[in-house]
Amino acid sequence: MNAFDPTPPAWTTAATHARYFHCPSCQASCLEAQQVWINRRAPVITEQYQRKWQEFYECQCGQAWWAWSSDRPPSDLHPQQPPE
């Protein structure tokens, strides 16, 4: 499964919108997902003219969920630059 495939996998049709960036069923992190798909064909433009995408996750508990890329929490792996 390619996360950037233009065709959505079948499991995304049952995905629920997660209010917080983790599985709404078992609260597992997106890093624990079995499969990931990013809907890059339909970006949304924010008021600040920035793009955001739907990120779909299939959790290890079987729940499919999605959240906006802009809702992703900061990563410890990438240093954050202060806004200028």
C-alpha atoms as a PDB file:
ATOM      1  CA  MET A   1       0.000   0.000   0.000  1.00  0.00           C
ATOM      2  CA  ASN A   2       1.418   3.330  -1.076  1.00  0.00           C
ATOM      3  CA  ALA A   3       0.344   6.245   1.158  1.00  0.00           C
ATOM      4  CA  PHE A   4       0.484   8.563  -1.871  1.00  0.00           C
ATOM      5  CA  ASP A   5      -1.500   6.360  -4.279  1.00  0.00           C
ATOM      6  CA  PRO A   6      -4.105   8.564  -6.027  1.00  0.00           C
ATOM      7  CA  THR A   7      -6.809   5.906  -5.618  1.00  0.00           C
ATOM      8  CA  PRO A   8      -8.170   5.556  -2.078  1.00  0.00           C
ATOM      9  CA  PRO A   9      -8.078   2.059  -0.564  1.00  0.00           C
ATOM     10  CA  ALA A  10     -11.430   0.454   0.283  1.00  0.00           C
ATOM     11  CA  TRP A  11     -10.894   0.683   4.054  1.00  0.00           C
ATOM     12  CA  THR A  12     -11.025   4.516   3.918  1.00  0.00           C
ATOM     13  CA  THR A  13     -14.767   4.532   3.127  1.00  0.00           C
ATOM     14  CA  ALA A  14     -15.618   3.540   6.721  1.00  0.00           C
ATOM     15  CA  ALA A  15     -13.177   6.031   8.314  1.00  0.00           C
ATOM     16  CA  THR A  16     -14.399   8.284  11.104  1.00  0.00           C
ATOM     17  CA  HIS A  17     -13.185  11.841  11.628  1.00  0.00           C
ATOM     18  CA  ALA A  18     -10.995  11.896  14.735  1.00  0.00           C
ATOM     19  CA  ARG A  19     -11.286  15.095  16.774  1.00  0.00           C
ATOM     20  CA  TYR A  20      -7.813  14.484  18.212  1.00  0.00           C
ATOM     21  CA  PHE A  21      -4.897  13.070  16.255  1.00  0.00           C
ATOM     22  CA  HIS A  22      -5.232   9.468  17.482  1.00  0.00           C
ATOM     23  CA  CYS A  23      -7.563   6.523  17.036  1.00  0.00           C
ATOM     24  CA  PRO A  24     -11.015   7.446  18.379  1.00  0.00           C
ATOM     25  CA  SER A  25     -11.591   3.840  19.463  1.00  0.00           C
ATOM     26  CA  CYS A  26      -8.420   2.817  21.322  1.00  0.00           C
ATOM     27  CA  GLN A  27      -6.482   6.153  21.397  1.00  0.00           C
ATOM     28  CA  ALA A  28      -3.468   4.606  19.634  1.00  0.00           C
ATOM     29  CA  SER A  29      -1.063   7.018  17.960  1.00  0.00           C
ATOM     30  CA  CYS A  30      -0.952   7.407  14.184  1.00  0.00           C
ATOM     31  CA  LEU A  31       2.527   5.848  14.421  1.00  0.00           C
ATOM     32  CA  GLU A  32       0.878   2.559  15.416  1.00  0.00           C
ATOM     33  CA  ALA A  33      -1.392   2.430  12.344  1.00  0.00           C
ATOM     34  CA  GLN A  34      -1.267  -0.625  10.109  1.00  0.00           C
ATOM     35  CA  GLN A  35      -1.998   1.356   6.941  1.00  0.00           C
ATOM     36  CA  VAL A  36      -1.903   5.021   5.955  1.00  0.00           C
ATOM     37  CA  TRP A  37      -3.326   6.906   2.995  1.00  0.00           C
ATOM     38  CA  ILE A  38      -3.104  10.656   2.318  1.00  0.00           C
ATOM     39  CA  ASN A  39      -5.769  12.253   0.136  1.00  0.00           C
ATOM     40  CA  ARG A  40      -3.508  14.588  -1.824  1.00  0.00           C
ATOM     41  CA  ARG A  41      -5.976  14.935  -4.700  1.00  0.00           C
ATOM     42  CA  ALA A  42      -8.319  17.206  -2.732  1.00  0.00           C
ATOM     43  CA  PRO A  43      -6.404  19.709  -0.585  1.00  0.00           C
ATOM     44  CA  VAL A  44      -8.273  22.329   1.400  1.00  0.00           C
ATOM     45  CA  ILE A  45      -6.965  25.898   1.432  1.00  0.00           C
ATOM     46  CA  THR A  46      -7.059  27.652   4.814  1.00  0.00           C
ATOM     47  CA  GLU A  47      -7.696  31.328   5.474  1.00  0.00           C
ATOM     48  CA  GLN A  48      -3.901  31.822   5.551  1.00  0.00           C
ATOM     49  CA  TYR A  49      -3.638  30.248   2.060  1.00  0.00           C
ATOM     50  CA  GLN A  50      -1.971  27.098   3.362  1.00  0.00           C
ATOM     51  CA  ARG A  51      -2.926  23.634   2.156  1.00  0.00           C
ATOM     52  CA  LYS A  52      -4.073  20.809   4.376  1.00  0.00           C
ATOM     53  CA  TRP A  53      -4.954  17.218   3.493  1.00  0.00           C
ATOM     54  CA  GLN A  54      -6.990  14.401   4.914  1.00  0.00           C
ATOM     55  CA  GLU A  55      -4.742  11.727   6.417  1.00  0.00           C
ATOM     56  CA  PHE A  56      -6.402   8.323   6.743  1.00  0.00           C
ATOM     57  CA  TYR A  57      -5.215   5.658   9.185  1.00  0.00           C
ATOM     58  CA  GLU A  58      -6.230   2.047   9.702  1.00  0.00           C
ATOM     59  CA  CYS A  59      -5.535   1.272  13.340  1.00  0.00           C
ATOM     60  CA  GLN A  60      -4.324  -2.021  14.771  1.00  0.00           C
ATOM     61  CA  CYS A  61      -7.706  -2.319  16.564  1.00  0.00           C
ATOM     62  CA  GLY A  62      -9.514  -2.313  13.197  1.00  0.00           C
ATOM     63  CA  GLN A  63     -10.882   1.244  13.389  1.00  0.00           C
ATOM     64  CA  ALA A  64     -10.310   3.424  10.323  1.00  0.00           C
ATOM     65  CA  TRP A  65     -10.010   7.141  11.095  1.00  0.00           C
ATOM     66  CA  TRP A  66      -8.910  10.367   9.475  1.00  0.00           C
ATOM     67  CA  ALA A  67      -7.725  13.808  10.584  1.00  0.00           C
ATOM     68  CA  TRP A  68      -6.500  16.974   8.905  1.00  0.00           C
ATOM     69  CA  SER A  69      -2.755  17.206   8.281  1.00  0.00           C
ATOM     70  CA  SER A  70      -2.800  20.619  10.014  1.00  0.00           C
ATOM     71  CA  ASP A  71      -4.013  18.938  13.237  1.00  0.00           C
ATOM     72  CA  ARG A  72      -0.938  16.706  13.442  1.00  0.00           C
ATOM     73  CA  PRO A  73       0.970  17.379  16.687  1.00  0.00           C
ATOM     74  CA  PRO A  74       4.580  18.603  16.404  1.00  0.00           C
ATOM     75  CA  SER A  75       7.172  15.873  15.941  1.00  0.00           C
ATOM     76  CA  ASP A  76      10.162  15.303  18.208  1.00  0.00           C
ATOM     77  CA  LEU A  77      12.054  14.204  15.088  1.00  0.00           C
ATOM     78  CA  HIS A  78      11.919  17.581  13.359  1.00  0.00           C
ATOM     79  CA  PRO A  79      13.004  20.762  15.159  1.00  0.00           C
ATOM     80  CA  GLN A  80      10.286  23.430  15.074  1.00  0.00           C
ATOM     81  CA  GLN A  81      11.219  26.870  13.784  1.00  0.00           C
ATOM     82  CA  PRO A  82       9.648  29.818  15.601  1.00  0.00           C
ATOM     83  CA  PRO A  83       7.301  31.867  13.380  1.00  0.00           C
ATOM     84  CA  GLU A  84       8.869  34.929  11.857  1.00  0.00           C
END
